[in-house]
């Protein structure tokens, strides 16, 4: 086997449009070092869009979950009370309630003179 060329490293570029905004992943790039990665990110990205801040992260520094660890993310089946999916019908019920309160017959009766 030949020697693997490690001159270039993979970097991930994150940016945010405003100082209060969140960072978003933009693209990946290959560069020999972090300083050159920042220059390349500025040349390729900042001239197209206004940017408030940029992060350059070497991909090897990013830790993801292993397949075994991802299984921890699944919810237990007995925790359905924590979700709000059971309340979706309330919007329909509220709309029906409002319509009953202000039906056409009632609204038309507002203009009638009831003293006669």
Protein backbone atom coordinates (compact mmCIF):
# COMPACT_ATOMS: atom_id res chain seq x y z
CA UNK A 1 0.00 0.00 0.00
CA UNK A 2 1.14 3.51 -0.77
CA UNK A 3 1.40 6.34 1.69
CA UNK A 4 -1.79 8.38 2.11
CA UNK A 5 -1.35 12.04 1.14
CA UNK A 6 -2.30 14.15 4.19
CA UNK A 7 -1.23 17.54 2.85
CA UNK A 8 -4.85 18.62 2.43
CA UNK A 9 -7.37 18.32 5.24
CA UNK A 10 -11.14 18.57 5.11
CA UNK A 11 -12.76 21.58 6.73
CA UNK A 12 -16.42 22.44 7.32
CA UNK A 13 -17.52 26.05 6.91
CA UNK A 14 -20.29 27.52 9.07
CA UNK A 15 -21.58 31.08 8.87
CA UNK A 16 -24.27 33.34 10.21
CA UNK A 17 -25.88 36.27 8.41
CA UNK A 18 -26.49 38.44 11.49
CA UNK A 19 -24.76 38.66 14.85
CA UNK A 20 -27.91 37.35 16.57
CA UNK A 21 -28.61 34.63 13.98
CA UNK A 22 -27.69 30.96 14.22
CA UNK A 23 -24.67 29.39 12.56
CA UNK A 24 -25.50 27.27 9.51
CA UNK A 25 -23.34 24.79 7.65
CA UNK A 26 -22.43 26.13 4.21
CA UNK A 27 -19.96 23.76 2.54
CA UNK A 28 -16.84 21.61 2.90
CA UNK A 29 -13.43 22.40 1.48
CA UNK A 30 -9.91 21.00 1.26
CA UNK A 31 -7.02 23.12 2.52
CA UNK A 32 -3.48 22.54 3.80
CA UNK A 33 -4.17 24.36 7.10
CA UNK A 34 -6.80 26.32 9.02
CA UNK A 35 -5.56 29.75 7.93
CA UNK A 36 -5.74 28.80 4.27
CA UNK A 37 -9.18 27.26 4.85
CA UNK A 38 -10.41 30.58 6.25
CA UNK A 39 -9.02 32.50 3.25
CA UNK A 40 -10.64 30.03 0.85
CA UNK A 41 -13.96 30.26 2.69
CA UNK A 42 -13.87 34.05 2.54
CA UNK A 43 -13.05 34.02 -1.17
CA UNK A 44 -15.70 31.47 -2.05
CA UNK A 45 -18.50 32.58 0.23
CA UNK A 46 -18.22 36.09 1.61
CA UNK A 47 -18.11 37.77 -1.78
CA UNK A 48 -21.51 36.23 -2.62
CA UNK A 49 -23.42 37.00 0.59
CA UNK A 50 -23.18 39.33 3.56
CA UNK A 51 -21.85 37.41 6.56
CA UNK A 52 -21.57 38.44 10.21
CA UNK A 53 -19.25 35.59 11.28
CA UNK A 54 -17.58 32.43 9.93
CA UNK A 55 -16.39 29.27 11.67
CA UNK A 56 -13.88 26.93 10.05
CA UNK A 57 -13.78 23.50 11.69
CA UNK A 58 -11.51 20.61 10.74
CA UNK A 59 -13.80 17.68 9.98
CA UNK A 60 -11.75 15.31 12.17
CA UNK A 61 -12.60 17.55 15.17
CA UNK A 62 -16.33 16.93 14.73
CA UNK A 63 -17.65 14.00 16.76
CA UNK A 64 -20.76 12.24 15.55
CA UNK A 65 -22.74 9.46 17.18
CA UNK A 66 -21.85 5.85 16.53
CA UNK A 67 -24.69 3.53 15.43
CA UNK A 68 -24.93 2.09 18.94
CA UNK A 69 -25.14 5.59 20.42
CA UNK A 70 -27.91 6.61 17.99
CA UNK A 71 -30.18 3.99 19.53
CA UNK A 72 -30.21 6.07 22.73
CA UNK A 73 -32.05 8.83 20.85
CA UNK A 74 -35.20 6.77 20.35
CA UNK A 75 -38.00 7.70 22.73
CA UNK A 76 -39.55 5.21 25.04
CA UNK A 77 -43.04 4.18 23.99
CA UNK A 78 -44.62 5.13 27.30
CA UNK A 79 -43.82 8.86 26.98
CA UNK A 80 -46.60 9.88 24.58
CA UNK A 81 -48.02 12.26 27.18
CA UNK A 82 -45.01 14.50 26.53
CA UNK A 83 -46.05 15.23 22.96
CA UNK A 84 -48.81 17.66 22.03
CA UNK A 85 -50.26 15.65 19.17
CA UNK A 86 -53.32 14.90 21.29
CA UNK A 87 -54.37 18.57 21.28
CA UNK A 88 -54.59 19.08 17.51
CA UNK A 89 -58.38 18.74 17.55
CA UNK A 90 -58.75 21.80 19.81
CA UNK A 91 -58.27 24.23 16.91
CA UNK A 92 -61.22 22.65 15.09
CA UNK A 93 -63.33 22.65 18.24
CA UNK A 94 -62.51 26.32 18.91
CA UNK A 95 -63.44 27.28 15.35
CA UNK A 96 -66.77 25.45 15.72
CA UNK A 97 -67.39 27.23 19.02
CA UNK A 98 -66.67 30.64 17.48
CA UNK A 99 -68.95 29.94 14.54
CA UNK A 100 -71.79 29.00 16.88
CA UNK A 101 -71.34 32.26 18.74
CA UNK A 102 -71.39 34.47 15.67
CA UNK A 103 -73.69 32.82 13.17
CA UNK A 104 -75.36 34.85 10.42
CA UNK A 105 -78.78 34.96 12.12
CA UNK A 106 -77.31 36.47 15.27
CA UNK A 107 -75.23 39.04 13.41
CA UNK A 108 -78.24 40.13 11.34
CA UNK A 109 -80.30 40.53 14.52
CA UNK A 110 -77.91 43.16 15.84
CA UNK A 111 -79.29 45.76 13.43
CA UNK A 112 -82.94 45.11 14.28
CA UNK A 113 -84.88 47.48 16.45
CA UNK A 114 -86.19 45.33 19.33
CA UNK A 115 -88.26 48.10 20.95
CA UNK A 116 -91.18 47.70 18.54
